[in-house]
Amino acid sequence: MLYHLRWIECFIGYYLENEFWDNLNRAQSLIDLKRFISHVSSNMSKTGLRQLISTVFIKKPKLCFSFLRFVLKFGQKLDLNEALLNIRRPEWLMHDFLNEHRKETYFCAADPINSELISLASRILDSYLLAQQAGVSQGHTKDSLWGQIEQNYQFSLISILQENDHEKLARHLSNLFQQKSSNGYTHGSRWQEFPHRMLFVNSAIIERLVSFAEEIGVIRAENIEQGAIGYSLQEGISSILGKLEKFLDIKMDFPRVGGAYGLLFDETLITNESSRHIYGAYRIVKFLNEHSSLMEYPLNIVEIGGGFVGTAYWLHKFLKDKIASYTIVDLPTSNISQSYFLTHALPNIKIALFGESSDDAKISIIPHFSTEQLKNKKIHLVINQDSMPEMPSDEVERYIKWISTNPGCFFYSMNHEAFSIVNGKPQIYVPEIIQNFSNFQRLERNMMWVRRGYVEEIYQVR
């Protein structure tokens, strides 16, 4: 695309230098301008092109915006939207940084199908079927955002569940992170139909590691207004990763489970979700440390709508014995991947699925309608990450109302606030729902460093 923009620049430069203002005044669109390209193909002068373009655009505003629309529409056809979802520093594209630091995607092998895995799949299936029988509400409607995700991506998983086939479920989960059913809380299979998208995902992994390192202050924060673009990349991503791990005092290597994939740096696997999950866990731990006088360790933590619960995994790595219990509350279909991932990723921690005894379990995974079973437990912290805006408003209100019944509890929200219409209604704006409950006090509000457009908030229930 940059090559084509250079041609347009050179054309406009030739256009002005030859004083074709009469023709310019008649030109109302890029289609008109295109006719002159044949006259300038041999003239590639670069002198003052930016000034010349600026002069043309200020005289013909309609032409300016037509040009920009053309670039965006052309880029959209080339999957620009998908690129912008992942490449959050487009200025890096003006140089060859992303190509210079490009690495081949590392794909973990699917987990071996053995009796232990089939036994786990049987447990997961039994828990899911029990939840289906006991469920008083689905937690979403078919035309809701998550309802659409289930219809578009999870039909193969739901078919397996309806067949009540635990061996098929075992095979499906053994390659969890490359399945279409993972789309919505990981990148899943979205690269398979269009393989070039993996270039964007890998670029996002690099960019988020840099942003994370900037947030904690182990490298300079880049400034597009002045200074070198991509300066931190000069030392190499492995060096930046090493600084992150030293500061955080953890190994950022993602578990080799479920066919996970990402980039490998000196045997450390970083997935597309690694930085934001570790970032979320780090920010929670940082808040807890800063308010240690208000904490009652060990903590009882509840996470609502945790995706594949990457944040839960990393919080256990950070807090270890400071966690007394960790309860994950989500849709029954989401409980499936959560149960599979955590059982493999934290093999030394006892995990209770819905319908199993949780007496001596540190982690419990329950469906969305089961918060009532937590009423006799003191909850110290509730987490919701990238989830509530996708829920129906009555479901969010139900969760917030439940949180409000736990005085002293902290609520950590990491969500987007985009004004996005889904089936005629805007997506949930979490602070707006919380305003309906007078006993919430907001303690912090920050933009998320590693994911543009996401906001971190921390509330306390008074």
Protein backbone atom coordinates (compact mmCIF):
# COMPACT_ATOMS: atom_id res chain seq x y z
CA MET A 1 0.00 0.00 0.00
CA LEU A 2 2.87 2.39 0.80
CA TYR A 3 4.16 1.86 -2.74
CA HIS A 4 0.83 2.99 -4.15
CA LEU A 5 0.75 6.00 -1.83
CA ARG A 6 4.17 7.01 -3.14
CA TRP A 7 2.80 6.94 -6.68
CA ILE A 8 -0.10 9.17 -5.64
CA GLU A 9 2.33 11.57 -3.95
CA CYS A 10 4.51 11.77 -7.02
CA PHE A 11 1.50 12.24 -9.25
CA ILE A 12 0.23 15.17 -7.20
CA GLY A 13 3.72 16.67 -7.17
CA TYR A 14 3.86 16.51 -10.97
CA TYR A 15 0.31 17.83 -11.15
CA LEU A 16 1.23 20.98 -9.21
CA GLU A 17 4.65 21.52 -10.77
CA ASN A 18 3.02 21.62 -14.21
CA GLU A 19 0.33 24.03 -12.96
CA PHE A 20 -2.65 21.92 -13.97
CA TRP A 21 -4.89 23.90 -11.64
CA ASP A 22 -7.66 24.11 -14.19
CA ASN A 23 -7.80 20.33 -14.31
CA LEU A 24 -7.55 20.16 -10.51
CA ASN A 25 -10.54 22.43 -10.12
CA ARG A 26 -12.56 20.10 -12.31
CA ALA A 27 -11.37 16.97 -10.49
CA GLN A 28 -13.98 16.00 -7.90
CA SER A 29 -12.81 12.49 -6.98
CA LEU A 30 -9.93 10.09 -7.11
CA ILE A 31 -11.48 8.58 -10.23
CA ASP A 32 -10.89 11.87 -12.04
CA LEU A 33 -7.34 12.07 -10.74
CA LYS A 34 -6.59 8.53 -11.81
CA ARG A 35 -6.79 9.59 -15.49
CA PHE A 36 -3.62 11.63 -15.09
CA ILE A 37 -1.44 8.82 -13.71
CA SER A 38 -0.28 7.83 -17.19
CA HIS A 39 1.14 11.34 -17.62
CA VAL A 40 3.32 11.15 -14.55
CA SER A 41 4.53 7.55 -14.43
CA SER A 42 7.97 8.63 -15.62
CA ASN A 43 8.22 11.55 -13.20
CA MET A 44 9.17 10.35 -9.69
CA SER A 45 10.51 13.58 -8.18
CA LYS A 46 10.31 13.53 -4.36
CA THR A 47 11.00 17.25 -3.78
CA GLY A 48 8.54 18.85 -1.39
CA LEU A 49 5.92 16.18 -1.96
CA ARG A 50 4.36 16.47 1.47
CA GLN A 51 4.03 20.24 1.09
CA LEU A 52 2.58 19.82 -2.38
CA ILE A 53 0.03 17.29 -1.17
CA SER A 54 -0.91 19.57 1.71
CA THR A 55 -1.44 22.47 -0.72
CA VAL A 56 -3.71 20.37 -2.90
CA PHE A 57 -5.74 19.06 0.03
CA ILE A 58 -6.33 22.47 1.66
CA LYS A 59 -7.64 23.78 -1.68
CA LYS A 60 -9.78 20.71 -2.30
CA PRO A 61 -11.03 19.32 1.07
CA LYS A 62 -13.40 16.96 -0.72
CA LEU A 63 -10.44 15.47 -2.55
CA CYS A 64 -8.57 15.07 0.77
CA PHE A 65 -11.34 13.05 2.41
CA SER A 66 -12.00 11.10 -0.80
CA PHE A 67 -8.34 10.10 -0.77
CA LEU A 68 -8.50 8.99 2.87
CA ARG A 69 -11.69 7.01 2.24
CA PHE A 70 -10.01 5.35 -0.71
CA VAL A 71 -7.03 4.30 1.41
CA LEU A 72 -9.26 2.93 4.19
CA LYS A 73 -11.60 1.07 1.83
CA PHE A 74 -8.66 -0.34 -0.09
CA GLY A 75 -7.06 -1.39 3.18
CA GLN A 76 -10.32 -2.92 4.39
CA LYS A 77 -10.33 -5.20 1.35
CA LEU A 78 -6.82 -6.24 2.38
CA ASP A 79 -7.99 -7.09 5.93
CA LEU A 80 -6.97 -3.75 7.42
CA ASN A 81 -9.57 -4.07 10.20
CA GLU A 82 -8.03 -7.33 11.41
CA ALA A 83 -4.58 -5.73 11.21
CA LEU A 84 -5.65 -2.73 13.31
CA LEU A 85 -7.12 -5.04 15.97
CA ASN A 86 -3.61 -6.36 16.55
CA ILE A 87 -1.10 -3.76 15.38
CA ARG A 88 -1.69 -0.89 17.80
CA ARG A 89 1.38 1.12 16.77
CA PRO A 90 0.86 1.74 13.05
CA GLU A 91 3.92 4.00 13.05
CA TRP A 92 6.00 0.83 13.31
CA LEU A 93 4.73 -0.06 9.84
CA MET A 94 6.54 2.98 8.43
CA HIS A 95 9.74 1.05 9.10
CA ASP A 96 10.57 -2.61 8.76
CA PHE A 97 10.55 -3.32 12.50
CA LEU A 98 7.81 -5.95 12.51
CA ASN A 99 9.38 -7.85 9.65
CA GLU A 100 12.86 -7.61 11.19
CA HIS A 101 11.58 -9.10 14.46
CA ARG A 102 9.23 -11.56 12.79
CA LYS A 103 9.38 -15.11 14.13
CA GLU A 104 7.68 -18.27 13.01
CA THR A 105 4.64 -19.21 15.05
CA TYR A 106 5.28 -22.02 17.49
CA PHE A 107 2.45 -24.54 17.74
CA CYS A 108 2.30 -26.91 20.70
CA ALA A 109 1.29 -30.45 19.90
CA ALA A 110 -2.19 -31.57 20.87
CA ASP A 111 -2.32 -33.31 24.25
CA PRO A 112 -1.99 -37.08 24.01
CA ILE A 113 -5.31 -38.96 24.20
CA ASN A 114 -4.95 -41.34 27.13
CA SER A 115 -7.09 -42.72 29.91
CA GLU A 116 -6.33 -39.77 32.18
CA LEU A 117 -7.50 -37.24 29.58
CA ILE A 118 -10.62 -39.25 28.76
CA SER A 119 -11.41 -39.47 32.48
CA LEU A 120 -11.10 -35.68 32.78
CA ALA A 121 -13.34 -35.19 29.73
CA SER A 122 -15.91 -37.47 31.36
CA ARG A 123 -15.85 -35.33 34.53
CA ILE A 124 -16.23 -32.15 32.49
CA LEU A 125 -19.10 -33.59 30.47
CA ASP A 126 -20.94 -34.80 33.58
CA SER A 127 -20.57 -31.36 35.16
CA TYR A 128 -21.86 -29.65 32.01
CA LEU A 129 -24.91 -31.92 31.74
CA LEU A 130 -25.70 -31.35 35.42
CA ALA A 131 -25.52 -27.59 34.87
CA GLN A 132 -27.86 -27.90 31.90
CA GLN A 133 -30.36 -29.78 34.04
CA ALA A 134 -30.07 -27.39 37.01
CA GLY A 135 -29.86 -24.13 35.09
CA VAL A 136 -32.63 -21.66 35.84
CA SER A 137 -31.46 -19.28 33.11
CA GLN A 138 -29.21 -19.50 30.08
CA GLY A 139 -27.30 -16.33 30.98
CA HIS A 140 -27.74 -14.89 27.50
CA THR A 141 -30.14 -14.87 24.57
CA LYS A 142 -29.48 -16.26 21.11
CA ASP A 143 -29.34 -12.76 19.63
CA SER A 144 -26.93 -11.46 22.31
CA LEU A 145 -23.24 -11.05 21.50
CA TRP A 146 -22.25 -14.25 23.29
CA GLY A 147 -25.26 -16.03 21.83
CA GLN A 148 -23.93 -15.13 18.38
CA ILE A 149 -20.47 -16.39 19.32
CA GLU A 150 -21.95 -19.73 20.39
CA GLN A 151 -23.89 -20.05 17.14
CA ASN A 152 -20.98 -19.02 14.90
CA TYR A 153 -18.07 -20.73 16.62
CA GLN A 154 -19.17 -23.29 19.20
CA PHE A 155 -21.57 -25.42 17.18
CA SER A 156 -19.09 -28.31 16.87
CA LEU A 157 -18.46 -28.33 20.63
CA ILE A 158 -22.18 -28.12 21.41
CA SER A 159 -22.82 -31.00 18.99
CA ILE A 160 -20.30 -33.14 20.90
CA LEU A 161 -21.95 -32.23 24.20
CA GLN A 162 -25.38 -33.13 22.85
CA GLU A 163 -24.02 -36.51 21.71
CA ASN A 164 -22.80 -37.11 25.29
CA ASP A 165 -19.53 -38.46 23.86
CA HIS A 166 -16.66 -37.97 26.31
CA GLU A 167 -14.06 -39.46 23.93
CA LYS A 168 -14.95 -36.94 21.22
CA LEU A 169 -14.83 -34.21 23.83
CA ALA A 170 -11.36 -35.39 24.90
CA ARG A 171 -10.10 -35.14 21.29
CA HIS A 172 -11.65 -31.70 20.91
CA LEU A 173 -10.13 -30.34 24.12
CA SER A 174 -6.72 -31.88 23.43
CA ASN A 175 -6.28 -29.18 20.76
CA LEU A 176 -8.39 -26.56 22.54
CA PHE A 177 -6.54 -23.40 21.54
CA GLN A 178 -6.70 -24.16 17.83
CA GLN A 179 -10.42 -24.97 17.81
CA LYS A 180 -13.10 -22.68 16.44
CA SER A 181 -14.89 -23.03 19.80
CA SER A 182 -12.06 -20.98 21.36
CA ASN A 183 -12.84 -17.97 19.17
CA GLY A 184 -14.16 -15.24 21.43
CA TYR A 185 -11.70 -15.68 24.29
CA THR A 186 -8.57 -16.54 22.27
CA HIS A 187 -7.59 -16.07 18.63
CA GLY A 188 -8.54 -19.73 18.20
CA SER A 189 -8.90 -20.76 14.56
CA ARG A 190 -9.36 -17.31 13.03
CA TRP A 191 -6.01 -17.52 11.25
CA GLN A 192 -6.77 -20.85 9.55
CA GLU A 193 -8.97 -19.49 6.77
CA PHE A 194 -6.71 -16.48 6.21
CA PRO A 195 -3.15 -17.55 7.20
CA HIS A 196 -1.69 -14.04 6.80
CA ARG A 197 -3.58 -13.01 9.95
CA MET A 198 -0.99 -14.87 11.98
CA LEU A 199 1.46 -12.10 11.00
CA PHE A 200 -0.84 -9.62 12.74
CA VAL A 201 -1.21 -11.81 15.84
CA ASN A 202 2.55 -12.23 16.18
CA SER A 203 3.02 -8.47 15.76
CA ALA A 204 0.52 -7.96 18.59
CA ILE A 205 2.51 -10.29 20.86
CA ILE A 206 5.62 -8.18 20.33
CA GLU A 207 3.81 -4.86 20.73
CA ARG A 208 2.10 -5.92 23.97
CA LEU A 209 5.36 -7.12 25.50
CA VAL A 210 6.87 -3.71 24.72
CA SER A 211 3.83 -1.91 26.17
CA PHE A 212 3.97 -4.04 29.33
CA ALA A 213 7.67 -3.27 29.76
CA GLU A 214 6.93 0.44 29.30
CA GLU A 215 4.19 0.31 31.96
CA ILE A 216 6.42 -1.13 34.66
CA GLY A 217 9.31 1.13 33.62
CA VAL A 218 12.01 -1.34 32.57
CA ILE A 219 12.30 0.38 29.17
CA ARG A 220 11.60 3.90 27.91
CA ALA A 221 8.02 4.71 26.94
CA GLU A 222 8.02 5.47 23.23
CA ASN A 223 6.68 8.85 22.12
CA ILE A 224 5.37 9.22 18.58
CA GLU A 225 5.62 13.03 18.86
CA GLN A 226 9.40 12.94 19.00
CA GLY A 227 12.32 10.59 19.25
CA ALA A 228 13.20 7.33 17.55
CA ILE A 229 10.32 5.08 16.53
CA GLY A 230 10.77 1.47 17.67
CA TYR A 231 13.79 2.43 19.78
CA SER A 232 13.22 -0.32 22.38
CA LEU A 233 13.20 -3.00 19.69
CA GLN A 234 16.88 -2.41 19.05
CA GLU A 235 17.83 -4.43 22.13
CA GLY A 236 15.71 -7.37 21.00
CA ILE A 237 12.49 -8.90 22.33
CA SER A 238 14.31 -11.59 24.32
CA SER A 239 16.11 -8.88 26.29
CA ILE A 240 12.84 -7.04 26.99
CA LEU A 241 11.20 -10.30 28.08
CA GLY A 242 14.11 -10.97 30.43
CA LYS A 243 13.65 -7.55 32.05
CA LEU A 244 9.93 -8.22 32.50
CA GLU A 245 10.53 -11.59 34.13
CA LYS A 246 13.18 -10.17 36.46
CA PHE A 247 10.88 -7.35 37.58
CA LEU A 248 7.82 -9.58 38.01
CA ASP A 249 9.86 -12.40 39.56
CA ILE A 250 8.02 -15.05 37.54
CA LYS A 251 8.66 -17.09 34.43
CA MET A 252 6.25 -15.91 31.73
CA ASP A 253 6.29 -19.24 29.88
CA PHE A 254 2.75 -20.30 28.90
CA PRO A 255 1.78 -23.91 29.74
CA ARG A 256 2.16 -26.37 26.86
CA VAL A 257 -1.46 -27.47 26.91
CA GLY A 258 -4.32 -27.77 24.43
CA GLY A 259 -2.31 -27.00 21.30
CA ALA A 260 -1.43 -23.49 22.51
CA TYR A 261 0.50 -21.35 20.05
CA GLY A 262 2.47 -18.12 20.01
CA LEU A 263 6.08 -16.97 19.78
CA LEU A 264 9.00 -18.75 21.37
CA PHE A 265 11.75 -16.64 22.93
CA ASP A 266 14.58 -18.77 24.36
CA GLU A 267 12.13 -21.60 25.16
CA THR A 268 9.60 -19.18 26.70
CA LEU A 269 6.21 -19.40 24.97
CA ILE A 270 4.28 -16.11 24.79
CA THR A 271 0.75 -16.35 23.40
CA ASN A 272 -1.51 -13.61 22.08
CA GLU A 273 -3.22 -13.43 25.48
CA SER A 274 -0.15 -13.77 27.72
CA SER A 275 0.67 -10.09 28.19
CA ARG A 276 -2.85 -8.93 29.01
CA HIS A 277 -3.50 -11.80 31.42
CA ILE A 278 -0.16 -11.37 33.22
CA TYR A 279 -0.67 -7.60 33.17
CA GLY A 280 -4.11 -8.00 34.77
CA ALA A 281 -2.74 -10.32 37.44
CA TYR A 282 0.20 -7.99 38.10
CA ARG A 283 -2.08 -4.96 38.45
CA ILE A 284 -4.28 -6.82 40.93
CA VAL A 285 -1.27 -7.92 42.99
CA LYS A 286 0.13 -4.38 42.90
CA PHE A 287 -3.16 -3.02 44.26
CA LEU A 288 -3.29 -5.69 46.98
CA ASN A 289 0.26 -4.87 48.06
CA GLU A 290 -0.47 -1.14 48.17
CA HIS A 291 -3.54 -1.78 50.35
CA SER A 292 -2.20 -4.67 52.41
CA SER A 293 -3.60 -3.17 55.63
CA LEU A 294 -7.11 -3.67 54.21
CA MET A 295 -6.53 -7.29 53.16
CA GLU A 296 -7.33 -10.43 55.08
CA TYR A 297 -5.01 -13.13 53.79
CA PRO A 298 -5.51 -15.76 52.56
CA LEU A 299 -8.04 -14.36 50.08
CA ASN A 300 -11.33 -15.72 48.79
CA ILE A 301 -11.46 -14.61 45.14
CA VAL A 302 -14.30 -14.87 42.62
CA GLU A 303 -13.79 -14.34 38.90
CA ILE A 304 -16.85 -13.72 36.72
CA GLY A 305 -16.62 -14.61 33.03
CA GLY A 306 -12.96 -15.56 32.91
CA GLY A 307 -12.58 -16.77 29.30
CA PHE A 308 -10.14 -19.66 29.49
CA VAL A 309 -9.05 -18.17 32.89
CA GLY A 310 -5.53 -17.14 31.99
CA THR A 311 -5.64 -14.42 34.67
CA ALA A 312 -6.58 -17.02 37.29
CA TYR A 313 -3.55 -19.09 36.30
CA TRP A 314 -1.15 -16.17 36.63
CA LEU A 315 -2.67 -14.96 39.90
CA HIS A 316 -1.91 -18.36 41.39
CA LYS A 317 1.67 -17.99 40.18
CA PHE A 318 1.95 -14.56 41.85
CA LEU A 319 -0.01 -15.10 45.09
CA LYS A 320 0.47 -18.84 45.73
CA ASP A 321 -0.62 -19.55 49.35
CA LYS A 322 -2.15 -16.10 49.75
CA ILE A 323 -5.21 -17.50 47.95
CA ALA A 324 -7.57 -19.50 50.16
CA SER A 325 -10.15 -20.18 47.45
CA TYR A 326 -10.70 -19.16 43.84
CA THR A 327 -14.17 -19.54 42.35
CA ILE A 328 -14.82 -19.13 38.62
CA VAL A 329 -18.38 -18.24 37.62
CA ASP A 330 -19.27 -18.45 33.93
CA LEU A 331 -21.53 -20.01 31.31
CA PRO A 332 -21.55 -23.82 31.31
CA THR A 333 -19.93 -23.95 27.85
CA SER A 334 -17.11 -21.68 29.08
CA ASN A 335 -16.70 -23.84 32.21
CA ILE A 336 -15.60 -26.64 29.87
CA SER A 337 -12.42 -24.96 28.60
CA GLN A 338 -11.75 -23.48 32.06
CA SER A 339 -11.89 -26.90 33.68
CA TYR A 340 -9.62 -28.42 31.06
CA PHE A 341 -7.02 -25.64 31.04
CA LEU A 342 -6.62 -25.22 34.80
CA THR A 343 -6.54 -28.97 35.50
CA HIS A 344 -3.56 -29.25 33.13
CA ALA A 345 -1.89 -25.92 33.95
CA LEU A 346 -2.12 -26.28 37.76
CA PRO A 347 -1.84 -30.04 38.28
CA ASN A 348 -0.91 -29.76 41.96
CA ILE A 349 -4.04 -27.81 42.92
CA LYS A 350 -7.33 -29.58 43.58
CA ILE A 351 -10.11 -28.30 41.34
CA ALA A 352 -13.80 -28.99 41.94
CA LEU A 353 -16.21 -28.88 39.01
CA PHE A 354 -19.91 -28.11 39.36
CA GLY A 355 -21.61 -30.99 41.17
CA GLU A 356 -18.40 -32.15 42.88
CA SER A 357 -17.51 -31.59 46.52
CA SER A 358 -15.53 -28.38 47.02
CA ASP A 359 -14.71 -28.95 50.69
CA ASP A 360 -10.95 -29.32 50.21
CA ALA A 361 -10.69 -27.80 46.74
CA LYS A 362 -8.77 -24.55 46.24
CA ILE A 363 -10.41 -23.80 42.87
CA SER A 364 -14.11 -24.23 42.12
CA ILE A 365 -15.66 -23.83 38.66
CA ILE A 366 -19.40 -23.21 38.68
CA PRO A 367 -22.08 -22.01 36.21
CA HIS A 368 -23.40 -18.46 36.19
CA PHE A 369 -26.61 -19.21 38.10
CA SER A 370 -24.78 -20.65 41.14
CA THR A 371 -23.59 -17.53 42.98
CA GLU A 372 -26.11 -18.37 45.70
CA GLN A 373 -23.78 -21.12 46.96
CA LEU A 374 -21.23 -18.40 47.84
CA LYS A 375 -23.55 -16.54 50.21
CA ASN A 376 -21.96 -17.91 53.40
CA LYS A 377 -18.38 -17.21 52.27
CA LYS A 378 -16.62 -13.90 52.88
CA ILE A 379 -15.48 -12.67 49.46
CA HIS A 380 -12.44 -10.40 49.42
CA LEU A 381 -12.02 -9.77 45.69
CA VAL A 382 -14.21 -10.12 42.58
CA ILE A 383 -12.66 -9.92 39.11
CA ASN A 384 -14.28 -9.29 35.74
CA GLN A 385 -12.12 -8.99 32.66
CA ASP A 386 -13.29 -8.43 29.09
CA SER A 387 -16.68 -9.91 29.81
CA MET A 388 -19.51 -7.78 31.21
CA PRO A 389 -19.97 -5.63 28.06
CA GLU A 390 -20.84 -8.87 26.23
CA MET A 391 -23.58 -9.81 28.70
CA PRO A 392 -27.28 -8.84 28.75
CA SER A 393 -27.90 -5.87 31.07
CA ASP A 394 -30.07 -7.87 33.50
CA GLU A 395 -27.26 -10.41 33.90
CA VAL A 396 -24.71 -7.68 34.67
CA GLU A 397 -27.10 -6.09 37.16
CA ARG A 398 -27.59 -9.46 38.85
CA TYR A 399 -23.82 -9.87 39.26
CA ILE A 400 -23.29 -6.29 40.50
CA LYS A 401 -26.17 -6.69 42.94
CA TRP A 402 -24.59 -9.87 44.29
CA ILE A 403 -21.19 -8.13 44.65
CA SER A 404 -22.92 -5.29 46.55
CA THR A 405 -24.00 -7.77 49.25
CA ASN A 406 -20.35 -8.38 50.21
CA PRO A 407 -19.24 -5.40 52.34
CA GLY A 408 -15.51 -4.71 52.23
CA CYS A 409 -15.14 -6.64 48.98
CA PHE A 410 -13.02 -5.15 46.17
CA PHE A 411 -14.20 -5.33 42.56
CA TYR A 412 -11.60 -5.23 39.78
CA SER A 413 -13.04 -4.49 36.33
CA MET A 414 -10.97 -4.54 33.14
CA ASN A 415 -13.38 -3.91 30.27
CA HIS A 416 -13.88 -1.82 27.16
CA GLU A 417 -16.43 0.99 27.13
CA ALA A 418 -17.05 1.13 23.38
CA PHE A 419 -20.38 2.47 22.16
CA SER A 420 -21.23 -0.57 20.06
CA ILE A 421 -24.77 -1.46 19.02
CA VAL A 422 -25.73 -5.14 19.28
CA ASN A 423 -29.25 -5.97 18.14
CA GLY A 424 -30.38 -2.38 18.51
CA LYS A 425 -28.95 -1.87 22.00
CA PRO A 426 -25.57 -0.43 23.06
CA GLN A 427 -23.21 -2.79 24.84
CA ILE A 428 -22.99 -2.54 28.61
CA TYR A 429 -21.10 0.37 30.16
CA VAL A 430 -20.00 -1.07 33.51
CA PRO A 431 -19.73 2.24 35.49
CA GLU A 432 -23.28 3.10 34.48
CA ILE A 433 -24.61 -0.13 36.01
CA ILE A 434 -22.55 0.36 39.18
CA GLN A 435 -24.00 3.85 39.65
CA ASN A 436 -27.33 2.20 40.44
CA PHE A 437 -25.82 0.82 43.66
CA SER A 438 -24.94 3.43 46.28
CA ASN A 439 -22.49 1.34 48.29
CA PHE A 440 -19.75 1.14 45.60
CA GLN A 441 -16.80 3.52 45.92
CA ARG A 442 -14.43 3.81 42.96
CA LEU A 443 -10.82 3.81 44.12
CA GLU A 444 -8.95 3.76 40.80
CA ARG A 445 -9.54 4.25 37.08
CA ASN A 446 -6.74 3.78 34.54
CA MET A 447 -6.33 3.08 30.85
CA MET A 448 -4.88 -0.35 30.15
CA TRP A 449 -1.35 -0.15 28.77
CA VAL A 450 -1.34 -3.43 26.88
CA ARG A 451 -4.75 -3.21 25.23
CA ARG A 452 -5.90 0.02 23.66
CA GLY A 453 -9.47 1.06 24.49
CA TYR A 454 -9.73 -0.99 27.71
CA VAL A 455 -10.20 0.58 31.14
CA GLU A 456 -9.18 -0.76 34.56
CA GLU A 457 -11.32 0.19 37.52
CA ILE A 458 -11.20 -0.84 41.16
CA TYR A 459 -14.20 -0.40 43.46
CA GLN A 460 -14.81 -1.21 47.09
CA VAL A 461 -18.18 -2.20 48.53
CA ARG A 462 -18.94 -0.07 51.58
